[in-house]
């Protein structure tokens, strides 16, 4: 479904992506790992068209997203949902209005349909009686859940997650991990996660890809990556785990 070919991106003299190649399997959870500042979030923003590469292609069902006209790219983006690292909720809008926003912007639907969609998505992410609360009244984990509800309200085929458990305590992080797996089962689509949380990665990933020095250096299942011949991959995973870790 989604393929990255020789993607390159520089900011001034800093080369961030130096030729990224990766095939994302449909219907799976793919987690992209790598050290801080290696370009994971930059890569994610290319996938949804928020950045343009200097070179390379991003193919969705054979269609190159990097060369689409602006209006066509907007339509293609409707196939994606994205949960940003800080949830990116509108501070001036309550929970209901935040989730309803994409529907009002991109769909011609009645207020009754909007209300039903908001209620359904909040139920799916385990949130009740929060419609009138402002983001400032929510905990970090609650904001992530509301952000995910908003990302799902347009029924995307592909959901992107940018560091979904950053800043959360271990118990809340585990709950978000479980929610991601449940969401994947519900949408029967594709999930792509940027993460430095090795425990979460090994628990939920079908496929792990490691970004290092501007390129994907290894791809495989959790078991394959833990036993990879590349010492950089093994060491990165080992250092991110406590002793006696169990998924």
C-alpha atoms as a PDB file:
ATOM      1  CA  UNK A   1       0.000   0.000   0.000  1.00  0.00           C
ATOM      2  CA  UNK A   2       2.635   2.529   1.047  1.00  0.00           C
ATOM      3  CA  UNK A   3       6.224   2.609  -0.170  1.00  0.00           C
ATOM      4  CA  UNK A   4       9.045   5.073   0.479  1.00  0.00           C
ATOM      5  CA  UNK A   5      11.726   5.206  -2.203  1.00  0.00           C
ATOM      6  CA  UNK A   6      15.111   6.908  -1.792  1.00  0.00           C
ATOM      7  CA  UNK A   7      13.647   9.773   0.260  1.00  0.00           C
ATOM      8  CA  UNK A   8      16.089  12.601   0.964  1.00  0.00           C
ATOM      9  CA  UNK A   9      15.658  15.783   2.989  1.00  0.00           C
ATOM     10  CA  UNK A  10      18.123  18.424   4.149  1.00  0.00           C
ATOM     11  CA  UNK A  11      17.732  21.582   6.190  1.00  0.00           C
ATOM     12  CA  UNK A  12      20.508  23.877   5.072  1.00  0.00           C
ATOM     13  CA  UNK A  13      23.730  21.921   5.398  1.00  0.00           C
ATOM     14  CA  UNK A  14      22.164  19.318   7.696  1.00  0.00           C
ATOM     15  CA  UNK A  15      21.257  16.129   5.861  1.00  0.00           C
ATOM     16  CA  UNK A  16      18.456  14.450   7.828  1.00  0.00           C
ATOM     17  CA  UNK A  17      17.101  11.820   5.442  1.00  0.00           C
ATOM     18  CA  UNK A  18      19.805  10.426   3.198  1.00  0.00           C
ATOM     19  CA  UNK A  19      17.884   7.922   1.101  1.00  0.00           C
ATOM     20  CA  UNK A  20      15.119   6.224   3.084  1.00  0.00           C
ATOM     21  CA  UNK A  21      13.605   3.077   1.564  1.00  0.00           C
ATOM     22  CA  UNK A  22      10.742   1.269   3.273  1.00  0.00           C
ATOM     23  CA  UNK A  23       7.645  -0.729   2.355  1.00  0.00           C
ATOM     24  CA  UNK A  24       4.731  -0.458   4.791  1.00  0.00           C
ATOM     25  CA  UNK A  25       2.596  -3.584   4.828  1.00  0.00           C
ATOM     26  CA  UNK A  26      -1.156  -3.112   4.689  1.00  0.00           C
ATOM     27  CA  UNK A  27      -3.099  -4.177   7.769  1.00  0.00           C
ATOM     28  CA  UNK A  28      -0.108  -4.138  10.125  1.00  0.00           C
ATOM     29  CA  UNK A  29       1.340  -2.006  12.890  1.00  0.00           C
ATOM     30  CA  UNK A  30       4.741  -0.767  11.733  1.00  0.00           C
ATOM     31  CA  UNK A  31       6.915   1.002  14.299  1.00  0.00           C
ATOM     32  CA  UNK A  32       9.826   3.177  13.169  1.00  0.00           C
ATOM     33  CA  UNK A  33      12.496   3.479  15.853  1.00  0.00           C
ATOM     34  CA  UNK A  34      15.726   5.424  16.110  1.00  0.00           C
ATOM     35  CA  UNK A  35      17.673   7.749  18.362  1.00  0.00           C
ATOM     36  CA  UNK A  36      16.423  11.244  19.193  1.00  0.00           C
ATOM     37  CA  UNK A  37      16.984  13.704  16.355  1.00  0.00           C
ATOM     38  CA  UNK A  38      17.521  11.014  13.713  1.00  0.00           C
ATOM     39  CA  UNK A  39      14.620  12.263  11.570  1.00  0.00           C
ATOM     40  CA  UNK A  40      11.730   9.997  12.570  1.00  0.00           C
ATOM     41  CA  UNK A  41       9.192  12.805  12.895  1.00  0.00           C
ATOM     42  CA  UNK A  42      10.501  14.424   9.705  1.00  0.00           C
ATOM     43  CA  UNK A  43       9.840  11.155   7.900  1.00  0.00           C
ATOM     44  CA  UNK A  44       6.320  10.932   9.329  1.00  0.00           C
ATOM     45  CA  UNK A  45       5.494  14.448   8.155  1.00  0.00           C
ATOM     46  CA  UNK A  46       6.584  13.528   4.654  1.00  0.00           C
ATOM     47  CA  UNK A  47       4.154  10.612   4.635  1.00  0.00           C
ATOM     48  CA  UNK A  48       1.170  12.891   5.200  1.00  0.00           C
ATOM     49  CA  UNK A  49       2.417  15.600   2.855  1.00  0.00           C
ATOM     50  CA  UNK A  50       3.302  18.198   5.512  1.00  0.00           C
ATOM     51  CA  UNK A  51       6.840  18.320   4.102  1.00  0.00           C
ATOM     52  CA  UNK A  52       8.247  17.974   0.594  1.00  0.00           C
ATOM     53  CA  UNK A  53      11.369  15.872   0.036  1.00  0.00           C
ATOM     54  CA  UNK A  54      14.420  17.102  -1.831  1.00  0.00           C
ATOM     55  CA  UNK A  55      14.460  13.786  -3.693  1.00  0.00           C
ATOM     56  CA  UNK A  56      12.579  10.512  -3.702  1.00  0.00           C
ATOM     57  CA  UNK A  57       9.036   9.216  -3.815  1.00  0.00           C
ATOM     58  CA  UNK A  58       6.228   8.232  -1.468  1.00  0.00           C
ATOM     59  CA  UNK A  59       3.899   5.844  -3.249  1.00  0.00           C
ATOM     60  CA  UNK A  60       0.363   5.129  -2.052  1.00  0.00           C
ATOM     61  CA  UNK A  61      -1.242   2.427  -4.178  1.00  0.00           C
ATOM     62  CA  UNK A  62       1.303   3.346  -6.858  1.00  0.00           C
ATOM     63  CA  UNK A  63       0.474   7.088  -6.745  1.00  0.00           C
ATOM     64  CA  UNK A  64       3.411   9.407  -5.979  1.00  0.00           C
ATOM     65  CA  UNK A  65       2.262  11.729  -3.200  1.00  0.00           C
ATOM     66  CA  UNK A  66       5.281  14.005  -3.567  1.00  0.00           C
ATOM     67  CA  UNK A  67       4.132  15.276  -6.983  1.00  0.00           C
ATOM     68  CA  UNK A  68       0.402  15.690  -6.422  1.00  0.00           C
ATOM     69  CA  UNK A  69      -1.270  19.071  -6.999  1.00  0.00           C
ATOM     70  CA  UNK A  70      -2.331  20.801  -3.785  1.00  0.00           C
ATOM     71  CA  UNK A  71      -6.056  20.037  -4.087  1.00  0.00           C
ATOM     72  CA  UNK A  72      -5.499  16.388  -4.947  1.00  0.00           C
ATOM     73  CA  UNK A  73      -3.077  16.027  -2.042  1.00  0.00           C
ATOM     74  CA  UNK A  74      -5.778  17.374   0.276  1.00  0.00           C
ATOM     75  CA  UNK A  75      -8.144  14.648  -0.911  1.00  0.00           C
ATOM     76  CA  UNK A  76      -5.530  11.938  -0.434  1.00  0.00           C
ATOM     77  CA  UNK A  77      -4.842  13.180   3.098  1.00  0.00           C
ATOM     78  CA  UNK A  78      -8.383  12.206   4.006  1.00  0.00           C
ATOM     79  CA  UNK A  79      -7.159   8.615   3.849  1.00  0.00           C
ATOM     80  CA  UNK A  80      -4.791   9.394   6.735  1.00  0.00           C
ATOM     81  CA  UNK A  81      -5.379  10.152  10.386  1.00  0.00           C
ATOM     82  CA  UNK A  82      -2.601  11.508  12.580  1.00  0.00           C
ATOM     83  CA  UNK A  83      -2.057  11.660  16.306  1.00  0.00           C
ATOM     84  CA  UNK A  84       0.604  14.289  16.956  1.00  0.00           C
ATOM     85  CA  UNK A  85       3.057  14.003  19.837  1.00  0.00           C
ATOM     86  CA  UNK A  86       1.259  16.635  21.935  1.00  0.00           C
ATOM     87  CA  UNK A  87      -2.198  15.679  20.566  1.00  0.00           C
ATOM     88  CA  UNK A  88      -2.363  19.182  18.945  1.00  0.00           C
ATOM     89  CA  UNK A  89      -5.854  19.934  20.228  1.00  0.00           C
ATOM     90  CA  UNK A  90      -7.294  23.413  19.729  1.00  0.00           C
ATOM     91  CA  UNK A  91      -7.092  25.063  23.165  1.00  0.00           C
ATOM     92  CA  UNK A  92     -10.072  27.337  22.504  1.00  0.00           C
ATOM     93  CA  UNK A  93     -12.371  24.444  21.557  1.00  0.00           C
ATOM     94  CA  UNK A  94     -13.900  21.895  23.883  1.00  0.00           C
ATOM     95  CA  UNK A  95     -13.521  18.164  23.282  1.00  0.00           C
ATOM     96  CA  UNK A  96     -16.690  17.919  21.199  1.00  0.00           C
ATOM     97  CA  UNK A  97     -15.686  20.778  18.908  1.00  0.00           C
ATOM     98  CA  UNK A  98     -12.158  19.422  18.505  1.00  0.00           C
ATOM     99  CA  UNK A  99     -13.402  16.046  17.291  1.00  0.00           C
ATOM    100  CA  UNK A 100     -16.166  17.578  15.160  1.00  0.00           C
ATOM    101  CA  UNK A 101     -13.739  19.961  13.447  1.00  0.00           C
ATOM    102  CA  UNK A 102     -12.525  17.605  10.670  1.00  0.00           C
ATOM    103  CA  UNK A 103     -16.103  16.645   9.808  1.00  0.00           C
ATOM    104  CA  UNK A 104     -17.160  20.281   9.498  1.00  0.00           C
ATOM    105  CA  UNK A 105     -14.091  21.081   7.404  1.00  0.00           C
ATOM    106  CA  UNK A 106     -14.139  18.120   5.041  1.00  0.00           C
ATOM    107  CA  UNK A 107     -17.603  16.527   5.017  1.00  0.00           C
ATOM    108  CA  UNK A 108     -21.103  17.708   4.269  1.00  0.00           C
ATOM    109  CA  UNK A 109     -22.934  16.091   7.145  1.00  0.00           C
ATOM    110  CA  UNK A 110     -25.731  17.095   9.485  1.00  0.00           C
ATOM    111  CA  UNK A 111     -25.234  18.089  13.103  1.00  0.00           C
ATOM    112  CA  UNK A 112     -26.980  14.877  14.107  1.00  0.00           C
ATOM    113  CA  UNK A 113     -24.434  12.831  12.144  1.00  0.00           C
ATOM    114  CA  UNK A 114     -21.596  14.839  13.667  1.00  0.00           C
ATOM    115  CA  UNK A 115     -22.945  14.239  17.167  1.00  0.00           C
ATOM    116  CA  UNK A 116     -23.241  10.513  16.542  1.00  0.00           C
ATOM    117  CA  UNK A 117     -19.708  10.321  15.100  1.00  0.00           C
ATOM    118  CA  UNK A 118     -18.185  12.221  18.010  1.00  0.00           C
ATOM    119  CA  UNK A 119     -19.983  10.031  20.525  1.00  0.00           C
ATOM    120  CA  UNK A 120     -18.883   6.856  18.739  1.00  0.00           C
ATOM    121  CA  UNK A 121     -15.219   7.867  18.551  1.00  0.00           C
ATOM    122  CA  UNK A 122     -15.110   8.947  22.180  1.00  0.00           C
ATOM    123  CA  UNK A 123     -16.618   5.614  23.182  1.00  0.00           C
ATOM    124  CA  UNK A 124     -14.000   3.769  21.119  1.00  0.00           C
ATOM    125  CA  UNK A 125     -11.149   5.521  22.902  1.00  0.00           C
ATOM    126  CA  UNK A 126     -12.698   4.959  26.326  1.00  0.00           C
ATOM    127  CA  UNK A 127     -13.785   8.516  27.086  1.00  0.00           C
ATOM    128  CA  UNK A 128     -17.146   9.433  28.627  1.00  0.00           C
ATOM    129  CA  UNK A 129     -18.749  12.690  29.726  1.00  0.00           C
ATOM    130  CA  UNK A 130     -15.885  14.888  28.539  1.00  0.00           C
ATOM    131  CA  UNK A 131     -17.480  16.555  25.525  1.00  0.00           C
ATOM    132  CA  UNK A 132     -17.718  19.976  27.175  1.00  0.00           C
ATOM    133  CA  UNK A 133     -14.281  19.941  28.792  1.00  0.00           C
ATOM    134  CA  UNK A 134     -11.438  22.061  27.423  1.00  0.00           C
ATOM    135  CA  UNK A 135      -8.054  20.470  26.637  1.00  0.00           C
ATOM    136  CA  UNK A 136      -6.547  22.309  29.611  1.00  0.00           C
ATOM    137  CA  UNK A 137      -8.876  20.341  31.887  1.00  0.00           C
ATOM    138  CA  UNK A 138      -7.610  16.967  30.657  1.00  0.00           C
ATOM    139  CA  UNK A 139      -4.639  14.872  31.729  1.00  0.00           C
ATOM    140  CA  UNK A 140      -1.924  13.990  29.227  1.00  0.00           C
ATOM    141  CA  UNK A 141      -3.371  10.543  28.622  1.00  0.00           C
ATOM    142  CA  UNK A 142      -6.868  11.943  28.157  1.00  0.00           C
ATOM    143  CA  UNK A 143      -5.605  14.463  25.606  1.00  0.00           C
ATOM    144  CA  UNK A 144      -3.962  11.638  23.655  1.00  0.00           C
ATOM    145  CA  UNK A 145      -7.254   9.744  23.614  1.00  0.00           C
ATOM    146  CA  UNK A 146      -9.177  12.791  22.403  1.00  0.00           C
ATOM    147  CA  UNK A 147      -6.507  13.408  19.765  1.00  0.00           C
ATOM    148  CA  UNK A 148      -6.903   9.835  18.569  1.00  0.00           C
ATOM    149  CA  UNK A 149     -10.687  10.192  18.457  1.00  0.00           C
ATOM    150  CA  UNK A 150     -10.240  13.230  16.229  1.00  0.00           C
ATOM    151  CA  UNK A 151      -7.746  11.377  14.025  1.00  0.00           C
ATOM    152  CA  UNK A 152     -10.276   8.566  13.533  1.00  0.00           C
ATOM    153  CA  UNK A 153     -13.414  10.617  12.927  1.00  0.00           C
ATOM    154  CA  UNK A 154     -12.948  10.659   9.132  1.00  0.00           C
ATOM    155  CA  UNK A 155     -12.544   6.853   9.046  1.00  0.00           C
ATOM    156  CA  UNK A 156      -8.942   6.800   7.797  1.00  0.00           C
ATOM    157  CA  UNK A 157      -7.285   3.804   6.197  1.00  0.00           C
ATOM    158  CA  UNK A 158      -3.871   4.708   7.640  1.00  0.00           C
ATOM    159  CA  UNK A 159      -3.228   6.114  11.119  1.00  0.00           C
ATOM    160  CA  UNK A 160       0.073   7.815  11.935  1.00  0.00           C
ATOM    161  CA  UNK A 161       1.304   8.188  15.519  1.00  0.00           C
ATOM    162  CA  UNK A 162       4.128  10.552  16.473  1.00  0.00           C
ATOM    163  CA  UNK A 163       5.641   9.396  19.799  1.00  0.00           C
ATOM    164  CA  UNK A 164       2.211   8.497  21.259  1.00  0.00           C
ATOM    165  CA  UNK A 165       3.452   7.724  24.785  1.00  0.00           C
ATOM    166  CA  UNK A 166       5.932  10.578  25.259  1.00  0.00           C
ATOM    167  CA  UNK A 167       5.496  12.288  28.621  1.00  0.00           C
ATOM    168  CA  UNK A 168       3.128   9.657  30.016  1.00  0.00           C
ATOM    169  CA  UNK A 169       3.620   7.512  33.096  1.00  0.00           C
ATOM    170  CA  UNK A 170       4.137   3.741  32.596  1.00  0.00           C
ATOM    171  CA  UNK A 171       0.541   2.771  33.419  1.00  0.00           C
ATOM    172  CA  UNK A 172      -0.955   5.383  31.087  1.00  0.00           C
ATOM    173  CA  UNK A 173       1.585   4.463  28.408  1.00  0.00           C
ATOM    174  CA  UNK A 174       0.514   0.821  28.591  1.00  0.00           C
ATOM    175  CA  UNK A 175      -3.136   1.901  28.276  1.00  0.00           C
ATOM    176  CA  UNK A 176      -2.299   3.925  25.150  1.00  0.00           C
ATOM    177  CA  UNK A 177      -0.432   0.924  23.708  1.00  0.00           C
ATOM    178  CA  UNK A 178      -3.500  -1.247  24.254  1.00  0.00           C
ATOM    179  CA  UNK A 179      -5.672   1.434  22.687  1.00  0.00           C
ATOM    180  CA  UNK A 180      -3.477   1.529  19.568  1.00  0.00           C
ATOM    181  CA  UNK A 181      -3.805  -2.244  19.169  1.00  0.00           C
ATOM    182  CA  UNK A 182      -7.572  -2.060  19.674  1.00  0.00           C
ATOM    183  CA  UNK A 183      -7.827   0.790  17.165  1.00  0.00           C
ATOM    184  CA  UNK A 184      -5.854  -1.227  14.627  1.00  0.00           C
ATOM    185  CA  UNK A 185      -8.275  -4.114  15.033  1.00  0.00           C
ATOM    186  CA  UNK A 186     -11.269  -1.778  14.697  1.00  0.00           C
ATOM    187  CA  UNK A 187     -10.184   0.052  11.540  1.00  0.00           C
ATOM    188  CA  UNK A 188      -8.672  -3.021   9.850  1.00  0.00           C
ATOM    189  CA  UNK A 189      -6.231  -0.610   8.247  1.00  0.00           C
ATOM    190  CA  UNK A 190      -2.583   0.303   8.661  1.00  0.00           C
ATOM    191  CA  UNK A 191      -0.843   1.941  11.621  1.00  0.00           C
ATOM    192  CA  UNK A 192       2.565   3.644  11.460  1.00  0.00           C
ATOM    193  CA  UNK A 193       4.152   4.658  14.746  1.00  0.00           C
ATOM    194  CA  UNK A 194       7.226   6.765  15.430  1.00  0.00           C
ATOM    195  CA  UNK A 195       8.606   5.750  18.817  1.00  0.00           C
ATOM    196  CA  UNK A 196      11.629   5.567  21.079  1.00  0.00           C
ATOM    197  CA  UNK A 197       9.699   3.423  23.589  1.00  0.00           C
ATOM    198  CA  UNK A 198      11.296   0.025  23.073  1.00  0.00           C
ATOM    199  CA  UNK A 199       9.026  -1.831  25.496  1.00  0.00           C
ATOM    200  CA  UNK A 200       5.916  -0.564  23.716  1.00  0.00           C
ATOM    201  CA  UNK A 201       7.449  -1.290  20.319  1.00  0.00           C
ATOM    202  CA  UNK A 202       8.136  -4.926  21.142  1.00  0.00           C
ATOM    203  CA  UNK A 203       4.650  -5.350  22.609  1.00  0.00           C
ATOM    204  CA  UNK A 204       2.582  -3.984  19.746  1.00  0.00           C
ATOM    205  CA  UNK A 205       4.594  -3.987  16.505  1.00  0.00           C
ATOM    206  CA  UNK A 206       4.099  -6.446  13.691  1.00  0.00           C
ATOM    207  CA  UNK A 207       7.088  -4.918  11.906  1.00  0.00           C
ATOM    208  CA  UNK A 208       9.906  -2.731  13.247  1.00  0.00           C
ATOM    209  CA  UNK A 209      12.072  -0.500  11.047  1.00  0.00           C
ATOM    210  CA  UNK A 210      15.153   1.261  12.421  1.00  0.00           C
ATOM    211  CA  UNK A 211      16.186   4.676  11.122  1.00  0.00           C
ATOM    212  CA  UNK A 212      19.884   5.379  11.628  1.00  0.00           C
ATOM    213  CA  UNK A 213      22.146   7.979  10.039  1.00  0.00           C
ATOM    214  CA  UNK A 214      19.442   9.045   7.590  1.00  0.00           C
ATOM    215  CA  UNK A 215      18.496   5.610   6.294  1.00  0.00           C
ATOM    216  CA  UNK A 216      16.557   2.479   7.248  1.00  0.00           C
ATOM    217  CA  UNK A 217      19.230   0.015   8.374  1.00  0.00           C
ATOM    218  CA  UNK A 218      17.014  -2.903   9.407  1.00  0.00           C
ATOM    219  CA  UNK A 219      13.438  -4.143   9.078  1.00  0.00           C
ATOM    220  CA  UNK A 220      11.871  -7.178  10.698  1.00  0.00           C
ATOM    221  CA  UNK A 221       9.554  -8.659  13.279  1.00  0.00           C
ATOM    222  CA  UNK A 222      10.287  -7.929  16.961  1.00  0.00           C
ATOM    223  CA  UNK A 223      11.993 -11.308  17.327  1.00  0.00           C
ATOM    224  CA  UNK A 224      14.058 -10.803  14.175  1.00  0.00           C
ATOM    225  CA  UNK A 225      15.157  -7.342  15.289  1.00  0.00           C
ATOM    226  CA  UNK A 226      16.162  -8.526  18.779  1.00  0.00           C
ATOM    227  CA  UNK A 227      18.434 -11.093  17.126  1.00  0.00           C
ATOM    228  CA  UNK A 228      19.549  -8.961  14.190  1.00  0.00           C
ATOM    229  CA  UNK A 229      23.070  -9.335  12.819  1.00  0.00           C
ATOM    230  CA  UNK A 230      23.510  -5.548  12.916  1.00  0.00           C
ATOM    231  CA  UNK A 231      25.038  -4.683  16.302  1.00  0.00           C
ATOM    232  CA  UNK A 232      23.654  -1.129  16.149  1.00  0.00           C
ATOM    233  CA  UNK A 233      20.117  -2.529  16.033  1.00  0.00           C
ATOM    234  CA  UNK A 234      20.660  -5.055  18.834  1.00  0.00           C
ATOM    235  CA  UNK A 235      22.353  -2.507  21.090  1.00  0.00           C
ATOM    236  CA  UNK A 236      19.628   0.094  20.536  1.00  0.00           C
ATOM    237  CA  UNK A 237      16.934  -2.378  21.505  1.00  0.00           C
ATOM    238  CA  UNK A 238      18.895  -3.778  24.457  1.00  0.00           C
ATOM    239  CA  UNK A 239      19.654  -0.359  25.937  1.00  0.00           C
ATOM    240  CA  UNK A 240      15.992   0.578  25.782  1.00  0.00           C
ATOM    241  CA  UNK A 241      14.867  -2.376  27.885  1.00  0.00           C
ATOM    242  CA  UNK A 242      14.983  -3.008  31.620  1.00  0.00           C
ATOM    243  CA  UNK A 243      16.439  -6.274  32.836  1.00  0.00           C
ATOM    244  CA  UNK A 244      14.090  -9.274  32.787  1.00  0.00           C
ATOM    245  CA  UNK A 245      11.744  -7.456  30.396  1.00  0.00           C
ATOM    246  CA  UNK A 246       8.660  -9.344  29.268  1.00  0.00           C
ATOM    247  CA  UNK A 247       6.359  -8.071  26.517  1.00  0.00           C
END
